[in-house]
Structure formats: structure tokens, C-alpha cells
Amino acid sequence: MKRQKIGTFNNLKNGDLIISPIDNEVTQYYIDKDGIKYLSSKNSLFGIFQFDAEDFYFYNGEKKCGEIDKHYFL
């Protein structure tokens, strides 16, 4: 499976799934009605200012937002 870094959050579209090797959790990029950008897990939203885009990869696996994919980076 080919993994591609997102590079910058500007490369994402609303609803894109991404993953980080730090916690292996599938996360969804979300833009609210006011244009504020977030990363969302199954039950939470976090402002993107808290994260480094270099830590994330586009996700093309079978897991859903909030699920852990332990095998994606093997």
C-alpha cells in the first residue's frame, strides 16, 4: 500500500480521511459552516492549529473515522 503525506492541510478537502503513525487513528478533515477547519475523531473535534500536517498521511484503508488501523504503517 502506497502512503502519501498530506504535506499541508490546504491539500485536503472537507471529509478527507487521514492517519498519523503516532496513534494510527483514522481522522477526518472537517470544515464547518464558518470555514473553521478541524480534525475529527469518532466523538471529538480538534482545531487544526494543534497539529503538524507533516505527521499525517492520506488514508485509503478500510477503517472508518475514529477507528485504529494498526496495520497501515507495517
C-alpha atoms as a PDB file:
ATOM      1  CA  MET A   1       0.000   0.000   0.000  1.00  0.00           C
ATOM      2  CA  LYS A   2       1.463   3.346  -1.037  1.00  0.00           C
ATOM      3  CA  ARG A   3       1.393   6.025   1.637  1.00  0.00           C
ATOM      4  CA  GLN A   4       1.397   9.712   0.727  1.00  0.00           C
ATOM      5  CA  LYS A   5       1.971  12.537   3.219  1.00  0.00           C
ATOM      6  CA  ILE A   6      -0.625  15.281   3.090  1.00  0.00           C
ATOM      7  CA  GLY A   7       2.119  17.929   3.145  1.00  0.00           C
ATOM      8  CA  THR A   8      -0.193  20.728   4.257  1.00  0.00           C
ATOM      9  CA  PHE A   9      -3.771  20.901   5.457  1.00  0.00           C
ATOM     10  CA  ASN A  10      -4.521  23.036   2.379  1.00  0.00           C
ATOM     11  CA  ASN A  11      -4.182  19.851   0.296  1.00  0.00           C
ATOM     12  CA  LEU A  12      -7.275  18.368   1.966  1.00  0.00           C
ATOM     13  CA  LYS A  13     -10.941  18.593   1.065  1.00  0.00           C
ATOM     14  CA  ASN A  14     -13.784  18.528   3.547  1.00  0.00           C
ATOM     15  CA  GLY A  15     -14.395  14.893   4.500  1.00  0.00           C
ATOM     16  CA  ASP A  16     -10.955  13.529   3.564  1.00  0.00           C
ATOM     17  CA  LEU A  17      -9.680  10.736   5.792  1.00  0.00           C
ATOM     18  CA  ILE A  18      -6.120  10.951   7.112  1.00  0.00           C
ATOM     19  CA  ILE A  19      -3.991   8.927   9.518  1.00  0.00           C
ATOM     20  CA  SER A  20      -0.945   9.524  11.689  1.00  0.00           C
ATOM     21  CA  PRO A  21       1.667   6.910  12.648  1.00  0.00           C
ATOM     22  CA  ILE A  22       1.693   8.459  16.122  1.00  0.00           C
ATOM     23  CA  ASP A  23      -1.604   6.865  17.157  1.00  0.00           C
ATOM     24  CA  ASN A  24      -2.801   5.022  13.996  1.00  0.00           C
ATOM     25  CA  GLU A  25      -6.278   6.553  14.388  1.00  0.00           C
ATOM     26  CA  VAL A  26      -8.207   7.375  11.244  1.00  0.00           C
ATOM     27  CA  THR A  27      -9.167  11.050  11.388  1.00  0.00           C
ATOM     28  CA  GLN A  28     -11.466  13.115   9.186  1.00  0.00           C
ATOM     29  CA  TYR A  29     -10.723  16.635   7.961  1.00  0.00           C
ATOM     30  CA  TYR A  30     -13.759  18.818   8.571  1.00  0.00           C
ATOM     31  CA  ILE A  31     -14.613  22.420   7.658  1.00  0.00           C
ATOM     32  CA  ASP A  32     -17.599  23.908   9.484  1.00  0.00           C
ATOM     33  CA  LYS A  33     -20.138  26.390   8.069  1.00  0.00           C
ATOM     34  CA  ASP A  34     -17.961  29.313   9.238  1.00  0.00           C
ATOM     35  CA  GLY A  35     -14.890  27.946   7.440  1.00  0.00           C
ATOM     36  CA  ILE A  36     -13.110  26.830  10.611  1.00  0.00           C
ATOM     37  CA  LYS A  37     -11.011  23.718   9.987  1.00  0.00           C
ATOM     38  CA  TYR A  38     -10.863  20.734  12.312  1.00  0.00           C
ATOM     39  CA  LEU A  39      -9.661  17.184  12.619  1.00  0.00           C
ATOM     40  CA  SER A  40     -12.408  14.954  13.881  1.00  0.00           C
ATOM     41  CA  SER A  41     -12.285  11.619  15.592  1.00  0.00           C
ATOM     42  CA  LYS A  42     -15.318   9.490  16.354  1.00  0.00           C
ATOM     43  CA  ASN A  43     -16.514  11.705  19.210  1.00  0.00           C
ATOM     44  CA  SER A  44     -14.418  14.905  19.141  1.00  0.00           C
ATOM     45  CA  LEU A  45     -13.337  17.883  17.039  1.00  0.00           C
ATOM     46  CA  PHE A  46      -9.874  19.418  17.365  1.00  0.00           C
ATOM     47  CA  GLY A  47      -8.725  22.660  15.740  1.00  0.00           C
ATOM     48  CA  ILE A  48      -6.009  22.003  13.157  1.00  0.00           C
ATOM     49  CA  PHE A  49      -3.742  24.638  14.747  1.00  0.00           C
ATOM     50  CA  GLN A  50      -2.881  21.963  17.337  1.00  0.00           C
ATOM     51  CA  PHE A  51      -1.344  19.622  14.750  1.00  0.00           C
ATOM     52  CA  ASP A  52       1.602  19.444  12.376  1.00  0.00           C
ATOM     53  CA  ALA A  53       0.472  18.464   8.879  1.00  0.00           C
ATOM     54  CA  GLU A  54       3.788  16.636   8.359  1.00  0.00           C
ATOM     55  CA  ASP A  55       2.560  13.991  10.828  1.00  0.00           C
ATOM     56  CA  PHE A  56      -0.363  12.921   8.613  1.00  0.00           C
ATOM     57  CA  TYR A  57      -0.889  10.747   5.553  1.00  0.00           C
ATOM     58  CA  PHE A  58      -3.843  10.409   3.204  1.00  0.00           C
ATOM     59  CA  TYR A  59      -5.785   7.337   4.316  1.00  0.00           C
ATOM     60  CA  ASN A  60      -7.058   4.814   1.776  1.00  0.00           C
ATOM     61  CA  GLY A  61      -7.633   1.832   4.034  1.00  0.00           C
ATOM     62  CA  GLU A  62     -10.840   0.150   5.130  1.00  0.00           C
ATOM     63  CA  LYS A  63     -11.295   1.635   8.612  1.00  0.00           C
ATOM     64  CA  LYS A  64     -13.741   4.433   9.415  1.00  0.00           C
ATOM     65  CA  CYS A  65     -13.178   7.734  11.215  1.00  0.00           C
ATOM     66  CA  GLY A  66     -12.231   7.118  14.843  1.00  0.00           C
ATOM     67  CA  GLU A  67     -11.050   3.553  14.274  1.00  0.00           C
ATOM     68  CA  ILE A  68      -7.471   2.378  14.782  1.00  0.00           C
ATOM     69  CA  ASP A  69      -5.633   0.803  11.854  1.00  0.00           C
ATOM     70  CA  LYS A  70      -2.660  -0.965  13.436  1.00  0.00           C
ATOM     71  CA  HIS A  71      -1.542  -2.486  10.123  1.00  0.00           C
ATOM     72  CA  TYR A  72      -1.496   0.623   7.904  1.00  0.00           C
ATOM     73  CA  PHE A  73       2.137   1.528   8.627  1.00  0.00           C
ATOM     74  CA  LEU A  74       3.555  -2.032   8.670  1.00  0.00           C
END
